[in-house]
Amino acid sequence: MNKNSCDVGIAITTYLRKDMVCNLVDRIQALTRSDYKIVVCDDGSSDGTVEELRKKGITVLGGKNKSIA
């Protein structure tokens, strides 16, 4: 990074929305030109959300469902 670049952090919360969150990540990646980091906070999804996001190289935080997403 050079001194003219900007770090952007994007946090997304989700629960049982694999298709929606994966589409959102794809759109962010397609449209964002500056340096950024995406972190998804998953509230215990059982629909393959975590696995699909990790295949895309996205950092996923989460655990057992606690109904907080």
PDB file of N, CA and C in Angstrom:
ATOM      1  N   MET A   1       0.826  -1.186   0.000  1.00  0.00           N
ATOM      2  CA  MET A   1       0.000   0.000   0.000  1.00  0.00           C
ATOM      3  C   MET A   1       0.869   1.248   0.000  1.00  0.00           C
ATOM      4  N   ASN A   2       0.404   2.265  -0.680  1.00  0.00           N
ATOM      5  CA  ASN A   2       1.114   3.531  -0.631  1.00  0.00           C
ATOM      6  C   ASN A   2       0.369   4.508   0.268  1.00  0.00           C
ATOM      7  N   LYS A   3       0.987   5.667   0.504  1.00  0.00           N
ATOM      8  CA  LYS A   3       0.374   6.596   1.454  1.00  0.00           C
ATOM      9  C   LYS A   3      -0.916   7.222   0.941  1.00  0.00           C
ATOM     10  N   ASN A   4      -1.213   7.095  -0.354  1.00  0.00           N
ATOM     11  CA  ASN A   4      -2.449   7.647  -0.913  1.00  0.00           C
ATOM     12  C   ASN A   4      -3.606   6.661  -0.878  1.00  0.00           C
ATOM     13  N   SER A   5      -3.357   5.428  -0.471  1.00  0.00           N
ATOM     14  CA  SER A   5      -4.441   4.444  -0.447  1.00  0.00           C
ATOM     15  C   SER A   5      -5.173   4.494   0.891  1.00  0.00           C
ATOM     16  N   CYS A   6      -6.334   3.894   0.898  1.00  0.00           N
ATOM     17  CA  CYS A   6      -7.175   3.923   2.094  1.00  0.00           C
ATOM     18  C   CYS A   6      -7.609   2.503   2.424  1.00  0.00           C
ATOM     19  N   ASP A   7      -7.530   2.130   3.664  1.00  0.00           N
ATOM     20  CA  ASP A   7      -8.032   0.828   4.093  1.00  0.00           C
ATOM     21  C   ASP A   7      -9.516   0.956   4.414  1.00  0.00           C
ATOM     22  N   VAL A   8     -10.293   0.029   3.912  1.00  0.00           N
ATOM     23  CA  VAL A   8     -11.721   0.005   4.171  1.00  0.00           C
ATOM     24  C   VAL A   8     -12.067  -1.345   4.776  1.00  0.00           C
ATOM     25  N   GLY A   9     -12.801  -1.335   5.872  1.00  0.00           N
ATOM     26  CA  GLY A   9     -13.269  -2.571   6.488  1.00  0.00           C
ATOM     27  C   GLY A   9     -14.765  -2.705   6.275  1.00  0.00           C
ATOM     28  N   ILE A  10     -15.179  -3.867   5.804  1.00  0.00           N
ATOM     29  CA  ILE A  10     -16.593  -4.124   5.551  1.00  0.00           C
ATOM     30  C   ILE A  10     -17.011  -5.310   6.404  1.00  0.00           C
ATOM     31  N   ALA A  11     -17.938  -5.082   7.334  1.00  0.00           N
ATOM     32  CA  ALA A  11     -18.435  -6.143   8.195  1.00  0.00           C
ATOM     33  C   ALA A  11     -19.874  -6.461   7.795  1.00  0.00           C
ATOM     34  N   ILE A  12     -20.163  -7.744   7.656  1.00  0.00           N
ATOM     35  CA  ILE A  12     -21.490  -8.195   7.260  1.00  0.00           C
ATOM     36  C   ILE A  12     -21.946  -9.231   8.279  1.00  0.00           C
ATOM     37  N   THR A  13     -23.162  -9.080   8.782  1.00  0.00           N
ATOM     38  CA  THR A  13     -23.734 -10.113   9.645  1.00  0.00           C
ATOM     39  C   THR A  13     -24.744 -10.914   8.838  1.00  0.00           C
ATOM     40  N   THR A  14     -24.829 -12.222   9.134  1.00  0.00           N
ATOM     41  CA  THR A  14     -25.742 -13.065   8.375  1.00  0.00           C
ATOM     42  C   THR A  14     -26.184 -14.275   9.183  1.00  0.00           C
ATOM     43  N   TYR A  15     -27.309 -14.815   8.770  1.00  0.00           N
ATOM     44  CA  TYR A  15     -27.816 -16.070   9.310  1.00  0.00           C
ATOM     45  C   TYR A  15     -28.733 -16.687   8.258  1.00  0.00           C
ATOM     46  N   LEU A  16     -28.355 -17.860   7.788  1.00  0.00           N
ATOM     47  CA  LEU A  16     -29.136 -18.614   6.806  1.00  0.00           C
ATOM     48  C   LEU A  16     -29.469 -17.801   5.556  1.00  0.00           C
ATOM     49  N   ARG A  17     -28.489 -17.080   5.036  1.00  0.00           N
ATOM     50  CA  ARG A  17     -28.679 -16.268   3.829  1.00  0.00           C
ATOM     51  C   ARG A  17     -27.512 -16.483   2.865  1.00  0.00           C
ATOM     52  N   LYS A  18     -27.158 -17.741   2.633  1.00  0.00           N
ATOM     53  CA  LYS A  18     -25.979 -18.060   1.823  1.00  0.00           C
ATOM     54  C   LYS A  18     -25.993 -17.363   0.476  1.00  0.00           C
ATOM     55  N   ASP A  19     -27.055 -17.523  -0.283  1.00  0.00           N
ATOM     56  CA  ASP A  19     -27.091 -16.933  -1.625  1.00  0.00           C
ATOM     57  C   ASP A  19     -26.994 -15.415  -1.575  1.00  0.00           C
ATOM     58  N   MET A  20     -27.729 -14.805  -0.661  1.00  0.00           N
ATOM     59  CA  MET A  20     -27.736 -13.351  -0.565  1.00  0.00           C
ATOM     60  C   MET A  20     -26.360 -12.807  -0.168  1.00  0.00           C
ATOM     61  N   VAL A  21     -25.737 -13.397   0.842  1.00  0.00           N
ATOM     62  CA  VAL A  21     -24.448 -12.879   1.300  1.00  0.00           C
ATOM     63  C   VAL A  21     -23.348 -13.165   0.266  1.00  0.00           C
ATOM     64  N   CYS A  22     -23.406 -14.294  -0.414  1.00  0.00           N
ATOM     65  CA  CYS A  22     -22.410 -14.582  -1.451  1.00  0.00           C
ATOM     66  C   CYS A  22     -22.561 -13.623  -2.629  1.00  0.00           C
ATOM     67  N   ASN A  23     -23.794 -13.304  -3.002  1.00  0.00           N
ATOM     68  CA  ASN A  23     -24.019 -12.314  -4.062  1.00  0.00           C
ATOM     69  C   ASN A  23     -23.514 -10.941  -3.639  1.00  0.00           C
ATOM     70  N   LEU A  24     -23.747 -10.579  -2.381  1.00  0.00           N
ATOM     71  CA  LEU A  24     -23.267  -9.304  -1.864  1.00  0.00           C
ATOM     72  C   LEU A  24     -21.740  -9.231  -1.926  1.00  0.00           C
ATOM     73  N   VAL A  25     -21.072 -10.293  -1.498  1.00  0.00           N
ATOM     74  CA  VAL A  25     -19.610 -10.332  -1.540  1.00  0.00           C
ATOM     75  C   VAL A  25     -19.122 -10.223  -2.984  1.00  0.00           C
ATOM     76  N   ASP A  26     -19.752 -10.931  -3.901  1.00  0.00           N
ATOM     77  CA  ASP A  26     -19.364 -10.855  -5.318  1.00  0.00           C
ATOM     78  C   ASP A  26     -19.492  -9.430  -5.847  1.00  0.00           C
ATOM     79  N   ARG A  27     -20.573  -8.743  -5.493  1.00  0.00           N
ATOM     80  CA  ARG A  27     -20.789  -7.362  -5.954  1.00  0.00           C
ATOM     81  C   ARG A  27     -19.757  -6.418  -5.344  1.00  0.00           C
ATOM     82  N   ILE A  28     -19.462  -6.589  -4.069  1.00  0.00           N
ATOM     83  CA  ILE A  28     -18.439  -5.757  -3.427  1.00  0.00           C
ATOM     84  C   ILE A  28     -17.109  -5.945  -4.136  1.00  0.00           C
ATOM     85  N   GLN A  29     -16.742  -7.196  -4.400  1.00  0.00           N
ATOM     86  CA  GLN A  29     -15.470  -7.471  -5.066  1.00  0.00           C
ATOM     87  C   GLN A  29     -15.432  -6.893  -6.476  1.00  0.00           C
ATOM     88  N   ALA A  30     -16.549  -6.915  -7.175  1.00  0.00           N
ATOM     89  CA  ALA A  30     -16.597  -6.397  -8.541  1.00  0.00           C
ATOM     90  C   ALA A  30     -16.557  -4.871  -8.596  1.00  0.00           C
ATOM     91  N   LEU A  31     -17.109  -4.213  -7.577  1.00  0.00           N
ATOM     92  CA  LEU A  31     -17.272  -2.764  -7.635  1.00  0.00           C
ATOM     93  C   LEU A  31     -16.267  -1.964  -6.814  1.00  0.00           C
ATOM     94  N   THR A  32     -15.539  -2.601  -5.907  1.00  0.00           N
ATOM     95  CA  THR A  32     -14.641  -1.875  -5.011  1.00  0.00           C
ATOM     96  C   THR A  32     -13.235  -1.854  -5.576  1.00  0.00           C
ATOM     97  N   ARG A  33     -12.717  -0.677  -5.765  1.00  0.00           N
ATOM     98  CA  ARG A  33     -11.384  -0.506  -6.356  1.00  0.00           C
ATOM     99  C   ARG A  33     -10.285  -0.279  -5.318  1.00  0.00           C
ATOM    100  N   SER A  34     -10.617   0.292  -4.178  1.00  0.00           N
ATOM    101  CA  SER A  34      -9.599   0.555  -3.158  1.00  0.00           C
ATOM    102  C   SER A  34      -9.330  -0.713  -2.345  1.00  0.00           C
ATOM    103  N   ASP A  35      -8.267  -0.651  -1.544  1.00  0.00           N
ATOM    104  CA  ASP A  35      -7.944  -1.785  -0.679  1.00  0.00           C
ATOM    105  C   ASP A  35      -9.045  -1.937   0.367  1.00  0.00           C
ATOM    106  N   TYR A  36      -9.471  -3.169   0.602  1.00  0.00           N
ATOM    107  CA  TYR A  36     -10.540  -3.413   1.564  1.00  0.00           C
ATOM    108  C   TYR A  36     -10.398  -4.810   2.148  1.00  0.00           C
ATOM    109  N   LYS A  37     -11.086  -5.019   3.240  1.00  0.00           N
ATOM    110  CA  LYS A  37     -11.147  -6.322   3.898  1.00  0.00           C
ATOM    111  C   LYS A  37     -12.594  -6.581   4.260  1.00  0.00           C
ATOM    112  N   ILE A  38     -13.092  -7.765   3.885  1.00  0.00           N
ATOM    113  CA  ILE A  38     -14.451  -8.170   4.231  1.00  0.00           C
ATOM    114  C   ILE A  38     -14.375  -9.200   5.356  1.00  0.00           C
ATOM    115  N   VAL A  39     -15.184  -9.007   6.377  1.00  0.00           N
ATOM    116  CA  VAL A  39     -15.336  -9.979   7.448  1.00  0.00           C
ATOM    117  C   VAL A  39     -16.831 -10.250   7.599  1.00  0.00           C
ATOM    118  N   VAL A  40     -17.205 -11.521   7.539  1.00  0.00           N
ATOM    119  CA  VAL A  40     -18.604 -11.885   7.719  1.00  0.00           C
ATOM    120  C   VAL A  40     -18.764 -12.522   9.094  1.00  0.00           C
ATOM    121  N   CYS A  41     -19.731 -12.024   9.842  1.00  0.00           N
ATOM    122  CA  CYS A  41     -20.064 -12.578  11.149  1.00  0.00           C
ATOM    123  C   CYS A  41     -21.296 -13.453  10.955  1.00  0.00           C
ATOM    124  N   ASP A  42     -21.119 -14.751  11.065  1.00  0.00           N
ATOM    125  CA  ASP A  42     -22.200 -15.705  10.829  1.00  0.00           C
ATOM    126  C   ASP A  42     -22.743 -16.202  12.166  1.00  0.00           C
ATOM    127  N   ASP A  43     -24.053 -16.196  12.294  1.00  0.00           N
ATOM    128  CA  ASP A  43     -24.697 -16.582  13.557  1.00  0.00           C
ATOM    129  C   ASP A  43     -25.130 -18.052  13.543  1.00  0.00           C
ATOM    130  N   GLY A  44     -24.208 -18.937  13.154  1.00  0.00           N
ATOM    131  CA  GLY A  44     -24.480 -20.368  13.227  1.00  0.00           C
ATOM    132  C   GLY A  44     -25.293 -20.934  12.079  1.00  0.00           C
ATOM    133  N   SER A  45     -25.154 -20.370  10.890  1.00  0.00           N
ATOM    134  CA  SER A  45     -25.896 -20.877   9.730  1.00  0.00           C
ATOM    135  C   SER A  45     -25.593 -22.347   9.472  1.00  0.00           C
ATOM    136  N   SER A  46     -26.615 -23.069   9.031  1.00  0.00           N
ATOM    137  CA  SER A  46     -26.450 -24.493   8.708  1.00  0.00           C
ATOM    138  C   SER A  46     -26.724 -24.757   7.231  1.00  0.00           C
ATOM    139  N   ASP A  47     -26.671 -23.705   6.408  1.00  0.00           N
ATOM    140  CA  ASP A  47     -26.990 -23.830   4.986  1.00  0.00           C
ATOM    141  C   ASP A  47     -25.767 -23.790   4.075  1.00  0.00           C
ATOM    142  N   GLY A  48     -24.568 -23.914   4.659  1.00  0.00           N
ATOM    143  CA  GLY A  48     -23.346 -23.907   3.859  1.00  0.00           C
ATOM    144  C   GLY A  48     -22.753 -22.521   3.661  1.00  0.00           C
ATOM    145  N   THR A  49     -23.290 -21.526   4.357  1.00  0.00           N
ATOM    146  CA  THR A  49     -22.799 -20.154   4.226  1.00  0.00           C
ATOM    147  C   THR A  49     -21.308 -20.057   4.514  1.00  0.00           C
ATOM    148  N   VAL A  50     -20.890 -20.594   5.642  1.00  0.00           N
ATOM    149  CA  VAL A  50     -19.487 -20.477   6.070  1.00  0.00           C
ATOM    150  C   VAL A  50     -18.559 -21.133   5.052  1.00  0.00           C
ATOM    151  N   GLU A  51     -18.891 -22.326   4.635  1.00  0.00           N
ATOM    152  CA  GLU A  51     -18.039 -23.055   3.683  1.00  0.00           C
ATOM    153  C   GLU A  51     -17.915 -22.308   2.353  1.00  0.00           C
ATOM    154  N   GLU A  52     -19.026 -21.784   1.856  1.00  0.00           N
ATOM    155  CA  GLU A  52     -19.008 -21.066   0.581  1.00  0.00           C
ATOM    156  C   GLU A  52     -18.190 -19.783   0.665  1.00  0.00           C
ATOM    157  N   LEU A  53     -18.333 -19.060   1.760  1.00  0.00           N
ATOM    158  CA  LEU A  53     -17.563 -17.826   1.925  1.00  0.00           C
ATOM    159  C   LEU A  53     -16.073 -18.120   2.061  1.00  0.00           C
ATOM    160  N   ARG A  54     -15.726 -19.165   2.778  1.00  0.00           N
ATOM    161  CA  ARG A  54     -14.301 -19.513   2.927  1.00  0.00           C
ATOM    162  C   ARG A  54     -13.695 -19.942   1.602  1.00  0.00           C
ATOM    163  N   LYS A  55     -14.486 -20.592   0.730  1.00  0.00           N
ATOM    164  CA  LYS A  55     -14.008 -20.922  -0.629  1.00  0.00           C
ATOM    165  C   LYS A  55     -13.656 -19.653  -1.394  1.00  0.00           C
ATOM    166  N   LYS A  56     -14.359 -18.573  -1.112  1.00  0.00           N
ATOM    167  CA  LYS A  56     -14.118 -17.292  -1.770  1.00  0.00           C
ATOM    168  C   LYS A  56     -12.973 -16.516  -1.114  1.00  0.00           C
ATOM    169  N   GLY A  57     -12.403 -17.063  -0.037  1.00  0.00           N
ATOM    170  CA  GLY A  57     -11.303 -16.402   0.646  1.00  0.00           C
ATOM    171  C   GLY A  57     -11.745 -15.335   1.642  1.00  0.00           C
ATOM    172  N   ILE A  58     -13.002 -15.385   2.063  1.00  0.00           N
ATOM    173  CA  ILE A  58     -13.550 -14.402   2.993  1.00  0.00           C
ATOM    174  C   ILE A  58     -13.337 -14.873   4.432  1.00  0.00           C
ATOM    175  N   THR A  59     -12.946 -13.956   5.300  1.00  0.00           N
ATOM    176  CA  THR A  59     -12.813 -14.253   6.719  1.00  0.00           C
ATOM    177  C   THR A  59     -14.210 -14.347   7.332  1.00  0.00           C
ATOM    178  N   VAL A  60     -14.463 -15.452   8.015  1.00  0.00           N
ATOM    179  CA  VAL A  60     -15.778 -15.660   8.638  1.00  0.00           C
ATOM    180  C   VAL A  60     -15.582 -15.892  10.128  1.00  0.00           C
ATOM    181  N   LEU A  61     -16.314 -15.150  10.933  1.00  0.00           N
ATOM    182  CA  LEU A  61     -16.331 -15.329  12.379  1.00  0.00           C
ATOM    183  C   LEU A  61     -17.710 -15.862  12.758  1.00  0.00           C
ATOM    184  N   GLY A  62     -17.761 -16.701  13.739  1.00  0.00           N
ATOM    185  CA  GLY A  62     -19.071 -17.189  14.161  1.00  0.00           C
ATOM    186  C   GLY A  62     -18.969 -18.408  15.029  1.00  0.00           C
ATOM    187  N   GLY A  63     -20.100 -19.009  15.251  1.00  0.00           N
ATOM    188  CA  GLY A  63     -20.196 -20.184  16.100  1.00  0.00           C
ATOM    189  C   GLY A  63     -21.630 -20.634  16.185  1.00  0.00           C
ATOM    190  N   LYS A  64     -22.000 -21.133  17.327  1.00  0.00           N
ATOM    191  CA  LYS A  64     -23.352 -21.616  17.570  1.00  0.00           C
ATOM    192  C   LYS A  64     -24.373 -20.482  17.449  1.00  0.00           C
ATOM    193  N   ASN A  65     -25.539 -20.786  16.895  1.00  0.00           N
ATOM    194  CA  ASN A  65     -26.585 -19.781  16.731  1.00  0.00           C
ATOM    195  C   ASN A  65     -27.043 -19.229  18.074  1.00  0.00           C
ATOM    196  N   LYS A  66     -27.021 -17.900  18.184  1.00  0.00           N
ATOM    197  CA  LYS A  66     -27.456 -17.219  19.397  1.00  0.00           C
ATOM    198  C   LYS A  66     -28.523 -16.169  19.087  1.00  0.00           C
ATOM    199  N   SER A  67     -29.057 -16.219  17.873  1.00  0.00           N
ATOM    200  CA  SER A  67     -30.129 -15.294  17.442  1.00  0.00           C
ATOM    201  C   SER A  67     -29.757 -13.830  17.578  1.00  0.00           C
ATOM    202  N   ILE A  68     -28.501 -13.503  17.213  1.00  0.00           N
ATOM    203  CA  ILE A  68     -28.076 -12.108  17.329  1.00  0.00           C
ATOM    204  C   ILE A  68     -27.789 -11.457  15.979  1.00  0.00           C
ATOM    205  N   ALA A  69     -27.813 -12.217  14.901  1.00  0.00           N
ATOM    206  CA  ALA A  69     -27.464 -11.636  13.589  1.00  0.00           C
ATOM    207  C   ALA A  69     -28.544 -10.719  13.094  1.00  0.00           C
TER     208      ALA A  69
END
